[in-house]
Amino acid sequence: MLRKIILVTGGAGYIGSVLVRKLLAYGYKVRVLDKLMFGVDSIKGLLNDRNFELIKGDILDTNTLKRSIRGAENILHLAGARYSSGSVFKDTREDILKDYLIGKILVNAAKDYGIRRFIFASSCSVYEGKQDSLSTESSLLKPSSLYAKNKLKVENYILRMSDAKFVPTILRIGTVYGWSMCMRFDLVLNRFIMDALRNKKILLFDGEQWRPFIHCLDVAGAFIKALQSSEKNIKSEIFNIGNSTENYQIMHLAKIVTKFIPCTIINRPSKDKRSYRIDFSKSALQINFKTNYCIKDGIKEIKTALS
């Protein structure tokens, strides 16, 4: 019997709750495995959908994992520690290190149950470091933060497990923004907008660092593209997910926000010089991925939602 279920780990989260709705709109049957640390509200409206199933639990729980994978065809792995370029939210060292164990256990279980496609939500933070040019998927990697180092470690394990029956794909996602059913205000652009509206000021730390930005709806679109692409185009491949025109210095980003929401920018020195600009041409050429939103769309969207 042909399996039709897509398992989404972390499907109730910031990106996951957007992605799940997009998958349902495309006609997929979706099963979400999530610990629901932030509650069920982000997917509550989907619970009566006959194509949607929620399993509350931890990937590290053997029985929960087996129940989640059984009958699924593909896995989209989003669950894990969260990263913020600001200082509002930080996972513990233990949370971050646990991501490797989670990834390893999930991949091994996926292979045992005959899962075909496994798409992992990695991060462009693996390109951390002062760089003079746009980073591509083949650029030398020297991540400095524990979060980025661990993402790279998970990537490497997943790719090593590739074989004739297992098709892994890595999506290195830019700094995400935009409105979600599970909203995050620790992400830099979202935080700037909220602070501008509520405090009439934006606090920067240096501001010269570069980051690539992408709307959460576009991230969801990238997963769909990877899921629907031919195996020869995605097997054991790494794709940067974003748009090369959406690389911004943090100071420039703050100035754009002030054009829509008048406020004061306060800049303080920082020892954190991590900076990266990314080239996204491979995903456009190989899986035909294109973004539909820019940071101005995100600013307008969140401003409207909070006003």
C-alpha atoms as a PDB file:
ATOM      1  CA  MET A   1       0.000   0.000   0.000  1.00  0.00           C
ATOM      2  CA  LEU A   2       1.385   3.389  -0.999  1.00  0.00           C
ATOM      3  CA  ARG A   3       2.171   5.506   2.029  1.00  0.00           C
ATOM      4  CA  LYS A   4       0.917   9.065   1.908  1.00  0.00           C
ATOM      5  CA  ILE A   5       1.741  10.533   5.312  1.00  0.00           C
ATOM      6  CA  ILE A   6       4.321  13.300   5.779  1.00  0.00           C
ATOM      7  CA  LEU A   7       5.755  13.362   9.299  1.00  0.00           C
ATOM      8  CA  VAL A   8       6.733  16.858  10.459  1.00  0.00           C
ATOM      9  CA  THR A   9       8.746  17.028  13.677  1.00  0.00           C
ATOM     10  CA  GLY A  10       8.300  20.354  15.449  1.00  0.00           C
ATOM     11  CA  GLY A  11       5.168  20.942  13.379  1.00  0.00           C
ATOM     12  CA  ALA A  12       3.556  23.161  16.018  1.00  0.00           C
ATOM     13  CA  GLY A  13       6.476  25.603  16.068  1.00  0.00           C
ATOM     14  CA  TYR A  14       7.227  28.912  14.379  1.00  0.00           C
ATOM     15  CA  ILE A  15       8.048  27.470  10.947  1.00  0.00           C
ATOM     16  CA  GLY A  16       6.305  24.135  11.435  1.00  0.00           C
ATOM     17  CA  SER A  17       2.822  25.575  11.990  1.00  0.00           C
ATOM     18  CA  VAL A  18       3.159  27.486   8.695  1.00  0.00           C
ATOM     19  CA  LEU A  19       4.583  24.513   6.810  1.00  0.00           C
ATOM     20  CA  VAL A  20       1.883  22.107   8.014  1.00  0.00           C
ATOM     21  CA  ARG A  21      -0.864  24.346   6.635  1.00  0.00           C
ATOM     22  CA  LYS A  22       0.922  24.587   3.310  1.00  0.00           C
ATOM     23  CA  LEU A  23       1.303  20.810   3.109  1.00  0.00           C
ATOM     24  CA  LEU A  24      -2.406  20.332   3.810  1.00  0.00           C
ATOM     25  CA  ALA A  25      -3.236  22.887   1.118  1.00  0.00           C
ATOM     26  CA  TYR A  26      -1.206  20.786  -1.345  1.00  0.00           C
ATOM     27  CA  GLY A  27      -3.253  17.718  -0.453  1.00  0.00           C
ATOM     28  CA  TYR A  28      -0.755  15.865   1.730  1.00  0.00           C
ATOM     29  CA  LYS A  29      -1.722  13.905   4.805  1.00  0.00           C
ATOM     30  CA  VAL A  30       0.272  15.388   7.664  1.00  0.00           C
ATOM     31  CA  ARG A  31       1.306  13.940  10.996  1.00  0.00           C
ATOM     32  CA  VAL A  32       2.938  16.261  13.517  1.00  0.00           C
ATOM     33  CA  LEU A  33       5.221  15.100  16.311  1.00  0.00           C
ATOM     34  CA  ASP A  34       5.758  17.892  18.817  1.00  0.00           C
ATOM     35  CA  LYS A  35       6.328  18.250  22.558  1.00  0.00           C
ATOM     36  CA  LEU A  36       4.006  21.302  22.516  1.00  0.00           C
ATOM     37  CA  MET A  37       6.301  23.304  24.790  1.00  0.00           C
ATOM     38  CA  PHE A  38       4.450  26.440  23.705  1.00  0.00           C
ATOM     39  CA  GLY A  39       0.987  24.927  23.692  1.00  0.00           C
ATOM     40  CA  VAL A  40      -1.343  23.636  21.019  1.00  0.00           C
ATOM     41  CA  ASP A  41      -2.919  26.933  19.910  1.00  0.00           C
ATOM     42  CA  SER A  42      -0.769  27.201  16.761  1.00  0.00           C
ATOM     43  CA  ILE A  43      -2.351  24.048  15.291  1.00  0.00           C
ATOM     44  CA  LYS A  44      -5.594  23.850  17.276  1.00  0.00           C
ATOM     45  CA  GLY A  45      -7.603  24.853  14.214  1.00  0.00           C
ATOM     46  CA  LEU A  46      -6.290  21.797  12.329  1.00  0.00           C
ATOM     47  CA  LEU A  47      -7.276  19.105  14.819  1.00  0.00           C
ATOM     48  CA  ASN A  48     -10.574  18.354  13.069  1.00  0.00           C
ATOM     49  CA  ASP A  49      -8.978  18.095   9.626  1.00  0.00           C
ATOM     50  CA  ARG A  50      -9.182  14.443   8.494  1.00  0.00           C
ATOM     51  CA  ASN A  51      -5.781  14.796   6.797  1.00  0.00           C
ATOM     52  CA  PHE A  52      -4.084  16.019   9.982  1.00  0.00           C
ATOM     53  CA  GLU A  53      -2.841  14.046  12.960  1.00  0.00           C
ATOM     54  CA  LEU A  54      -1.083  15.298  16.100  1.00  0.00           C
ATOM     55  CA  ILE A  55       1.130  13.175  18.296  1.00  0.00           C
ATOM     56  CA  LYS A  56       2.261  14.944  21.442  1.00  0.00           C
ATOM     57  CA  GLY A  57       5.565  13.629  22.646  1.00  0.00           C
ATOM     58  CA  ASP A  58       9.347  13.507  22.517  1.00  0.00           C
ATOM     59  CA  ILE A  59      11.431  12.024  19.710  1.00  0.00           C
ATOM     60  CA  LEU A  60      13.651  10.492  22.388  1.00  0.00           C
ATOM     61  CA  ASP A  61      10.725   8.427  23.698  1.00  0.00           C
ATOM     62  CA  THR A  62      10.953   5.105  21.831  1.00  0.00           C
ATOM     63  CA  ASN A  63       7.243   4.281  21.794  1.00  0.00           C
ATOM     64  CA  THR A  64       6.279   7.780  20.690  1.00  0.00           C
ATOM     65  CA  LEU A  65       8.865   7.721  17.910  1.00  0.00           C
ATOM     66  CA  LYS A  66       7.697   4.352  16.599  1.00  0.00           C
ATOM     67  CA  ARG A  67       4.061   5.467  16.596  1.00  0.00           C
ATOM     68  CA  SER A  68       5.001   8.659  14.762  1.00  0.00           C
ATOM     69  CA  ILE A  69       7.062   7.035  12.010  1.00  0.00           C
ATOM     70  CA  ARG A  70       4.896   3.983  11.380  1.00  0.00           C
ATOM     71  CA  GLY A  71       2.970   4.454   8.113  1.00  0.00           C
ATOM     72  CA  ALA A  72       4.797   7.633   7.081  1.00  0.00           C
ATOM     73  CA  GLU A  73       6.457   8.051   3.703  1.00  0.00           C
ATOM     74  CA  ASN A  74       8.715  11.079   4.254  1.00  0.00           C
ATOM     75  CA  ILE A  75      10.045  13.062   7.222  1.00  0.00           C
ATOM     76  CA  LEU A  76      10.556  16.812   7.469  1.00  0.00           C
ATOM     77  CA  HIS A  77      12.716  17.359  10.556  1.00  0.00           C
ATOM     78  CA  LEU A  78      12.254  20.797  12.115  1.00  0.00           C
ATOM     79  CA  ALA A  79      12.287  19.981  15.827  1.00  0.00           C
ATOM     80  CA  GLY A  80      15.229  21.200  17.867  1.00  0.00           C
ATOM     81  CA  ALA A  81      16.885  23.998  19.766  1.00  0.00           C
ATOM     82  CA  ARG A  82      16.121  27.542  18.695  1.00  0.00           C
ATOM     83  CA  TYR A  83      18.684  30.153  17.703  1.00  0.00           C
ATOM     84  CA  SER A  84      18.413  33.908  17.909  1.00  0.00           C
ATOM     85  CA  SER A  85      20.921  36.472  16.698  1.00  0.00           C
ATOM     86  CA  GLY A  86      19.610  38.672  19.505  1.00  0.00           C
ATOM     87  CA  SER A  87      19.917  37.864  23.193  1.00  0.00           C
ATOM     88  CA  VAL A  88      16.231  37.547  24.067  1.00  0.00           C
ATOM     89  CA  PHE A  89      16.018  33.746  23.891  1.00  0.00           C
ATOM     90  CA  LYS A  90      18.727  31.201  24.371  1.00  0.00           C
ATOM     91  CA  ASP A  91      18.466  27.437  24.634  1.00  0.00           C
ATOM     92  CA  THR A  92      20.711  25.803  27.188  1.00  0.00           C
ATOM     93  CA  ARG A  93      23.911  24.029  26.195  1.00  0.00           C
ATOM     94  CA  GLU A  94      22.160  20.752  27.002  1.00  0.00           C
ATOM     95  CA  ASP A  95      19.245  21.603  24.655  1.00  0.00           C
ATOM     96  CA  ILE A  96      21.615  22.328  21.780  1.00  0.00           C
ATOM     97  CA  LEU A  97      23.778  19.257  22.282  1.00  0.00           C
ATOM     98  CA  LYS A  98      20.674  17.073  22.504  1.00  0.00           C
ATOM     99  CA  ASP A  99      19.854  17.999  18.896  1.00  0.00           C
ATOM    100  CA  TYR A 100      22.579  15.678  17.619  1.00  0.00           C
ATOM    101  CA  LEU A 101      21.206  12.748  19.585  1.00  0.00           C
ATOM    102  CA  ILE A 102      17.684  13.540  18.363  1.00  0.00           C
ATOM    103  CA  GLY A 103      18.841  13.735  14.747  1.00  0.00           C
ATOM    104  CA  LYS A 104      20.800  10.498  15.010  1.00  0.00           C
ATOM    105  CA  ILE A 105      17.945   8.549  16.601  1.00  0.00           C
ATOM    106  CA  LEU A 106      15.398   9.920  14.146  1.00  0.00           C
ATOM    107  CA  VAL A 107      17.489   9.091  11.071  1.00  0.00           C
ATOM    108  CA  ASN A 108      18.225   5.561  12.311  1.00  0.00           C
ATOM    109  CA  ALA A 109      14.526   4.970  13.007  1.00  0.00           C
ATOM    110  CA  ALA A 110      13.607   6.443   9.616  1.00  0.00           C
ATOM    111  CA  LYS A 111      15.872   3.950   7.861  1.00  0.00           C
ATOM    112  CA  ASP A 112      14.526   1.051   9.928  1.00  0.00           C
ATOM    113  CA  TYR A 113      10.971   1.944   8.879  1.00  0.00           C
ATOM    114  CA  GLY A 114      11.802   2.473   5.218  1.00  0.00           C
ATOM    115  CA  ILE A 115      11.328   6.244   5.119  1.00  0.00           C
ATOM    116  CA  ARG A 116      12.342   7.424   1.649  1.00  0.00           C
ATOM    117  CA  ARG A 117      12.924  11.180   1.889  1.00  0.00           C
ATOM    118  CA  PHE A 118      14.354  12.955   4.921  1.00  0.00           C
ATOM    119  CA  ILE A 119      14.586  16.743   4.756  1.00  0.00           C
ATOM    120  CA  PHE A 120      16.448  18.505   7.561  1.00  0.00           C
ATOM    121  CA  ALA A 121      16.021  22.131   8.582  1.00  0.00           C
ATOM    122  CA  SER A 122      19.586  23.315   9.089  1.00  0.00           C
ATOM    123  CA  SER A 123      20.804  26.901   9.275  1.00  0.00           C
ATOM    124  CA  CYS A 124      22.925  29.433   7.403  1.00  0.00           C
ATOM    125  CA  SER A 125      24.599  30.060  10.753  1.00  0.00           C
ATOM    126  CA  VAL A 126      27.039  27.281   9.772  1.00  0.00           C
ATOM    127  CA  TYR A 127      28.729  29.977   7.626  1.00  0.00           C
ATOM    128  CA  GLU A 128      29.575  32.069  10.697  1.00  0.00           C
ATOM    129  CA  GLY A 129      32.761  34.053  10.469  1.00  0.00           C
ATOM    130  CA  LYS A 130      34.036  37.221   8.849  1.00  0.00           C
ATOM    131  CA  GLN A 131      33.764  36.617   5.108  1.00  0.00           C
ATOM    132  CA  ASP A 132      34.537  38.869   2.163  1.00  0.00           C
ATOM    133  CA  SER A 133      32.290  37.175  -0.384  1.00  0.00           C
ATOM    134  CA  LEU A 134      28.965  35.389  -0.652  1.00  0.00           C
ATOM    135  CA  SER A 135      29.090  31.889   0.832  1.00  0.00           C
ATOM    136  CA  THR A 136      27.953  28.948  -1.276  1.00  0.00           C
ATOM    137  CA  GLU A 137      27.169  25.383  -0.264  1.00  0.00           C
ATOM    138  CA  SER A 138      30.799  24.461  -1.035  1.00  0.00           C
ATOM    139  CA  SER A 139      32.380  27.259   1.030  1.00  0.00           C
ATOM    140  CA  LEU A 140      34.796  26.405   3.817  1.00  0.00           C
ATOM    141  CA  LEU A 141      32.897  26.166   7.110  1.00  0.00           C
ATOM    142  CA  LYS A 142      34.295  27.380  10.422  1.00  0.00           C
ATOM    143  CA  PRO A 143      31.256  27.894  12.680  1.00  0.00           C
ATOM    144  CA  SER A 144      32.046  29.406  16.063  1.00  0.00           C
ATOM    145  CA  SER A 145      28.811  29.081  18.068  1.00  0.00           C
ATOM    146  CA  LEU A 146      27.793  25.801  19.682  1.00  0.00           C
ATOM    147  CA  TYR A 147      24.455  25.998  17.857  1.00  0.00           C
ATOM    148  CA  ALA A 148      26.081  26.245  14.410  1.00  0.00           C
ATOM    149  CA  LYS A 149      28.692  23.594  15.152  1.00  0.00           C
ATOM    150  CA  ASN A 150      25.985  21.199  16.254  1.00  0.00           C
ATOM    151  CA  LYS A 151      23.819  21.880  13.179  1.00  0.00           C
ATOM    152  CA  LEU A 152      26.795  20.971  11.015  1.00  0.00           C
ATOM    153  CA  LYS A 153      27.375  17.815  13.032  1.00  0.00           C
ATOM    154  CA  VAL A 154      23.752  16.742  12.491  1.00  0.00           C
ATOM    155  CA  GLU A 155      24.040  17.519   8.761  1.00  0.00           C
ATOM    156  CA  ASN A 156      27.119  15.341   8.408  1.00  0.00           C
ATOM    157  CA  TYR A 157      25.524  12.394  10.173  1.00  0.00           C
ATOM    158  CA  ILE A 158      22.373  12.576   8.056  1.00  0.00           C
ATOM    159  CA  LEU A 159      24.336  12.699   4.800  1.00  0.00           C
ATOM    160  CA  ARG A 160      26.540   9.760   5.814  1.00  0.00           C
ATOM    161  CA  MET A 161      23.413   7.617   6.104  1.00  0.00           C
ATOM    162  CA  SER A 162      22.417   8.122   2.468  1.00  0.00           C
ATOM    163  CA  ASP A 163      21.997   4.962   0.404  1.00  0.00           C
ATOM    164  CA  ALA A 164      19.883   3.518  -2.410  1.00  0.00           C
ATOM    165  CA  LYS A 165      16.767   3.483  -0.232  1.00  0.00           C
ATOM    166  CA  PHE A 166      17.287   6.654   1.834  1.00  0.00           C
ATOM    167  CA  VAL A 167      17.245  10.116   0.266  1.00  0.00           C
ATOM    168  CA  PRO A 168      18.407  12.876   2.674  1.00  0.00           C
ATOM    169  CA  THR A 169      18.365  16.593   1.875  1.00  0.00           C
ATOM    170  CA  ILE A 170      19.743  19.511   3.895  1.00  0.00           C
ATOM    171  CA  LEU A 171      18.112  22.947   3.791  1.00  0.00           C
ATOM    172  CA  ARG A 172      20.320  25.692   5.249  1.00  0.00           C
ATOM    173  CA  ILE A 173      17.783  28.342   6.094  1.00  0.00           C
ATOM    174  CA  GLY A 174      18.464  32.067   6.431  1.00  0.00           C
ATOM    175  CA  THR A 175      17.366  34.225   9.378  1.00  0.00           C
ATOM    176  CA  VAL A 176      13.598  33.831   9.422  1.00  0.00           C
ATOM    177  CA  TYR A 177      10.980  36.531   9.936  1.00  0.00           C
ATOM    178  CA  GLY A 178       7.265  37.032   9.377  1.00  0.00           C
ATOM    179  CA  TRP A 179       3.971  36.300  11.088  1.00  0.00           C
ATOM    180  CA  SER A 180       3.295  32.773  12.295  1.00  0.00           C
ATOM    181  CA  MET A 181       0.638  31.030  14.363  1.00  0.00           C
ATOM    182  CA  CYS A 182       3.459  30.285  16.841  1.00  0.00           C
ATOM    183  CA  MET A 183       5.030  33.719  16.868  1.00  0.00           C
ATOM    184  CA  ARG A 184       8.633  34.418  17.863  1.00  0.00           C
ATOM    185  CA  PHE A 185       9.881  37.856  18.805  1.00  0.00           C
ATOM    186  CA  ASP A 186      13.448  36.834  19.584  1.00  0.00           C
ATOM    187  CA  LEU A 187      14.236  36.710  15.844  1.00  0.00           C
ATOM    188  CA  VAL A 188      15.976  39.907  14.844  1.00  0.00           C
ATOM    189  CA  LEU A 189      13.551  41.516  12.387  1.00  0.00           C
ATOM    190  CA  ASN A 190      10.467  40.477  14.374  1.00  0.00           C
ATOM    191  CA  ARG A 191      12.055  41.908  17.518  1.00  0.00           C
ATOM    192  CA  PHE A 192      12.957  45.184  15.815  1.00  0.00           C
ATOM    193  CA  ILE A 193       9.375  45.655  14.670  1.00  0.00           C
ATOM    194  CA  MET A 194       7.884  44.905  18.084  1.00  0.00           C
ATOM    195  CA  ASP A 195      10.378  47.157  19.875  1.00  0.00           C
ATOM    196  CA  ALA A 196       9.792  49.973  17.398  1.00  0.00           C
ATOM    197  CA  LEU A 197       6.045  49.781  17.936  1.00  0.00           C
ATOM    198  CA  ARG A 198       6.017  49.350  21.705  1.00  0.00           C
ATOM    199  CA  ASN A 199       9.171  51.098  22.894  1.00  0.00           C
ATOM    200  CA  LYS A 200       9.758  53.580  20.052  1.00  0.00           C
ATOM    201  CA  LYS A 201      13.368  52.428  19.881  1.00  0.00           C
ATOM    202  CA  ILE A 202      15.507  49.665  18.387  1.00  0.00           C
ATOM    203  CA  LEU A 203      18.529  48.379  20.277  1.00  0.00           C
ATOM    204  CA  LEU A 204      21.508  47.225  18.191  1.00  0.00           C
ATOM    205  CA  PHE A 205      24.764  45.575  19.131  1.00  0.00           C
ATOM    206  CA  ASP A 206      27.336  46.830  16.609  1.00  0.00           C
ATOM    207  CA  GLY A 207      24.995  46.433  13.631  1.00  0.00           C
ATOM    208  CA  GLU A 208      27.688  45.905  11.003  1.00  0.00           C
ATOM    209  CA  GLN A 209      27.132  42.140  10.887  1.00  0.00           C
ATOM    210  CA  TRP A 210      25.560  40.676   7.755  1.00  0.00           C
ATOM    211  CA  ARG A 211      22.664  38.205   7.792  1.00  0.00           C
ATOM    212  CA  PRO A 212      20.479  36.621   5.089  1.00  0.00           C
ATOM    213  CA  PHE A 213      16.723  36.992   5.678  1.00  0.00           C
ATOM    214  CA  ILE A 214      13.744  34.890   4.590  1.00  0.00           C
ATOM    215  CA  HIS A 215      10.003  34.923   5.329  1.00  0.00           C
ATOM    216  CA  CYS A 216       8.592  31.873   7.155  1.00  0.00           C
ATOM    217  CA  LEU A 217       6.117  31.334   4.282  1.00  0.00           C
ATOM    218  CA  ASP A 218       9.026  31.118   1.858  1.00  0.00           C
ATOM    219  CA  VAL A 219      10.753  28.585   4.120  1.00  0.00           C
ATOM    220  CA  ALA A 220       7.605  26.465   3.958  1.00  0.00           C
ATOM    221  CA  GLY A 221       7.677  26.831   0.183  1.00  0.00           C
ATOM    222  CA  ALA A 222      11.258  25.548   0.093  1.00  0.00           C
ATOM    223  CA  PHE A 223      10.251  22.346   1.883  1.00  0.00           C
ATOM    224  CA  ILE A 224       7.465  21.825  -0.637  1.00  0.00           C
ATOM    225  CA  LYS A 225       9.895  22.336  -3.529  1.00  0.00           C
ATOM    226  CA  ALA A 226      12.363  19.836  -2.084  1.00  0.00           C
ATOM    227  CA  LEU A 227       9.576  17.355  -1.403  1.00  0.00           C
ATOM    228  CA  GLN A 228       8.265  17.584  -4.969  1.00  0.00           C
ATOM    229  CA  SER A 229      11.638  17.632  -6.760  1.00  0.00           C
ATOM    230  CA  SER A 230      13.039  14.543  -8.448  1.00  0.00           C
ATOM    231  CA  GLU A 231      15.315  12.433  -6.276  1.00  0.00           C
ATOM    232  CA  LYS A 232      18.310  12.972  -8.556  1.00  0.00           C
ATOM    233  CA  ASN A 233      18.109  16.715  -7.800  1.00  0.00           C
ATOM    234  CA  ILE A 234      17.913  16.441  -4.016  1.00  0.00           C
ATOM    235  CA  LYS A 235      19.610  13.229  -2.885  1.00  0.00           C
ATOM    236  CA  SER A 236      22.479  14.008  -0.487  1.00  0.00           C
ATOM    237  CA  GLU A 237      22.270  17.651  -1.529  1.00  0.00           C
ATOM    238  CA  ILE A 238      22.666  20.800   0.564  1.00  0.00           C
ATOM    239  CA  PHE A 239      20.695  23.904  -0.395  1.00  0.00           C
ATOM    240  CA  ASN A 240      20.959  27.434   0.942  1.00  0.00           C
ATOM    241  CA  ILE A 241      17.389  28.698   1.318  1.00  0.00           C
ATOM    242  CA  GLY A 242      16.762  32.393   0.784  1.00  0.00           C
ATOM    243  CA  ASN A 243      17.312  35.142  -1.768  1.00  0.00           C
ATOM    244  CA  SER A 244      20.687  36.729  -2.497  1.00  0.00           C
ATOM    245  CA  THR A 245      19.093  40.197  -2.620  1.00  0.00           C
ATOM    246  CA  GLU A 246      17.917  39.754   0.993  1.00  0.00           C
ATOM    247  CA  ASN A 247      21.360  39.873   2.613  1.00  0.00           C
ATOM    248  CA  TYR A 248      21.401  42.877   4.955  1.00  0.00           C
ATOM    249  CA  GLN A 249      23.639  44.450   7.535  1.00  0.00           C
ATOM    250  CA  ILE A 250      21.738  44.588  10.826  1.00  0.00           C
ATOM    251  CA  MET A 251      22.091  48.387  10.955  1.00  0.00           C
ATOM    252  CA  HIS A 252      20.583  48.699   7.475  1.00  0.00           C
ATOM    253  CA  LEU A 253      17.750  46.410   8.535  1.00  0.00           C
ATOM    254  CA  ALA A 254      16.952  48.651  11.508  1.00  0.00           C
ATOM    255  CA  LYS A 255      16.961  51.741   9.295  1.00  0.00           C
ATOM    256  CA  ILE A 256      14.443  50.129   6.947  1.00  0.00           C
ATOM    257  CA  VAL A 257      12.169  49.408   9.921  1.00  0.00           C
ATOM    258  CA  THR A 258      12.299  53.098  10.938  1.00  0.00           C
ATOM    259  CA  LYS A 259      10.941  54.084   7.515  1.00  0.00           C
ATOM    260  CA  PHE A 260       7.740  52.220   8.342  1.00  0.00           C
ATOM    261  CA  ILE A 261       7.695  52.784  12.113  1.00  0.00           C
ATOM    262  CA  PRO A 262       9.363  56.033  13.257  1.00  0.00           C
ATOM    263  CA  CYS A 263      11.628  55.321  16.218  1.00  0.00           C
ATOM    264  CA  THR A 264      15.137  55.806  17.595  1.00  0.00           C
ATOM    265  CA  ILE A 265      18.044  53.456  16.918  1.00  0.00           C
ATOM    266  CA  ILE A 266      20.377  52.865  19.871  1.00  0.00           C
ATOM    267  CA  ASN A 267      23.664  51.196  19.004  1.00  0.00           C
ATOM    268  CA  ARG A 268      25.973  49.577  21.537  1.00  0.00           C
ATOM    269  CA  PRO A 269      29.360  47.924  20.992  1.00  0.00           C
ATOM    270  CA  SER A 270      29.598  44.157  20.737  1.00  0.00           C
ATOM    271  CA  LYS A 271      32.388  41.601  20.700  1.00  0.00           C
ATOM    272  CA  ASP A 272      30.259  39.310  18.540  1.00  0.00           C
ATOM    273  CA  LYS A 273      31.551  39.836  14.996  1.00  0.00           C
ATOM    274  CA  ARG A 274      29.917  36.803  13.390  1.00  0.00           C
ATOM    275  CA  SER A 275      28.850  37.854   9.928  1.00  0.00           C
ATOM    276  CA  TYR A 276      27.766  35.994   6.815  1.00  0.00           C
ATOM    277  CA  ARG A 277      26.308  36.766   3.385  1.00  0.00           C
ATOM    278  CA  ILE A 278      24.898  33.892   1.391  1.00  0.00           C
ATOM    279  CA  ASP A 279      24.544  32.926  -2.253  1.00  0.00           C
ATOM    280  CA  PHE A 280      21.215  31.196  -2.945  1.00  0.00           C
ATOM    281  CA  SER A 281      21.558  30.447  -6.648  1.00  0.00           C
ATOM    282  CA  LYS A 282      21.840  26.649  -6.287  1.00  0.00           C
ATOM    283  CA  SER A 283      18.339  26.185  -4.855  1.00  0.00           C
ATOM    284  CA  ALA A 284      16.908  28.430  -7.586  1.00  0.00           C
ATOM    285  CA  LEU A 285      18.598  26.435 -10.352  1.00  0.00           C
ATOM    286  CA  GLN A 286      18.336  22.895  -9.003  1.00  0.00           C
ATOM    287  CA  ILE A 287      14.901  22.792  -7.331  1.00  0.00           C
ATOM    288  CA  ASN A 288      13.401  25.939  -8.872  1.00  0.00           C
ATOM    289  CA  PHE A 289      12.979  27.634  -5.484  1.00  0.00           C
ATOM    290  CA  LYS A 290      12.178  31.339  -5.482  1.00  0.00           C
ATOM    291  CA  THR A 291      11.094  33.580  -2.646  1.00  0.00           C
ATOM    292  CA  ASN A 292       7.833  35.525  -2.804  1.00  0.00           C
ATOM    293  CA  TYR A 293       8.380  37.929   0.082  1.00  0.00           C
ATOM    294  CA  CYS A 294      10.915  40.568   1.155  1.00  0.00           C
ATOM    295  CA  ILE A 295      11.621  42.190   4.508  1.00  0.00           C
ATOM    296  CA  LYS A 296       9.321  45.123   3.689  1.00  0.00           C
ATOM    297  CA  ASP A 297       6.441  42.659   3.379  1.00  0.00           C
ATOM    298  CA  GLY A 298       7.328  41.252   6.777  1.00  0.00           C
ATOM    299  CA  ILE A 299       7.463  44.686   8.397  1.00  0.00           C
ATOM    300  CA  LYS A 300       4.044  45.654   7.020  1.00  0.00           C
ATOM    301  CA  GLU A 301       2.564  42.292   8.002  1.00  0.00           C
ATOM    302  CA  ILE A 302       3.765  42.307  11.608  1.00  0.00           C
ATOM    303  CA  LYS A 303       3.023  46.008  12.045  1.00  0.00           C
ATOM    304  CA  THR A 304      -0.583  45.367  10.999  1.00  0.00           C
ATOM    305  CA  ALA A 305      -0.878  42.339  13.277  1.00  0.00           C
ATOM    306  CA  LEU A 306       0.442  44.220  16.328  1.00  0.00           C
ATOM    307  CA  SER A 307      -1.298  47.535  15.739  1.00  0.00           C
END
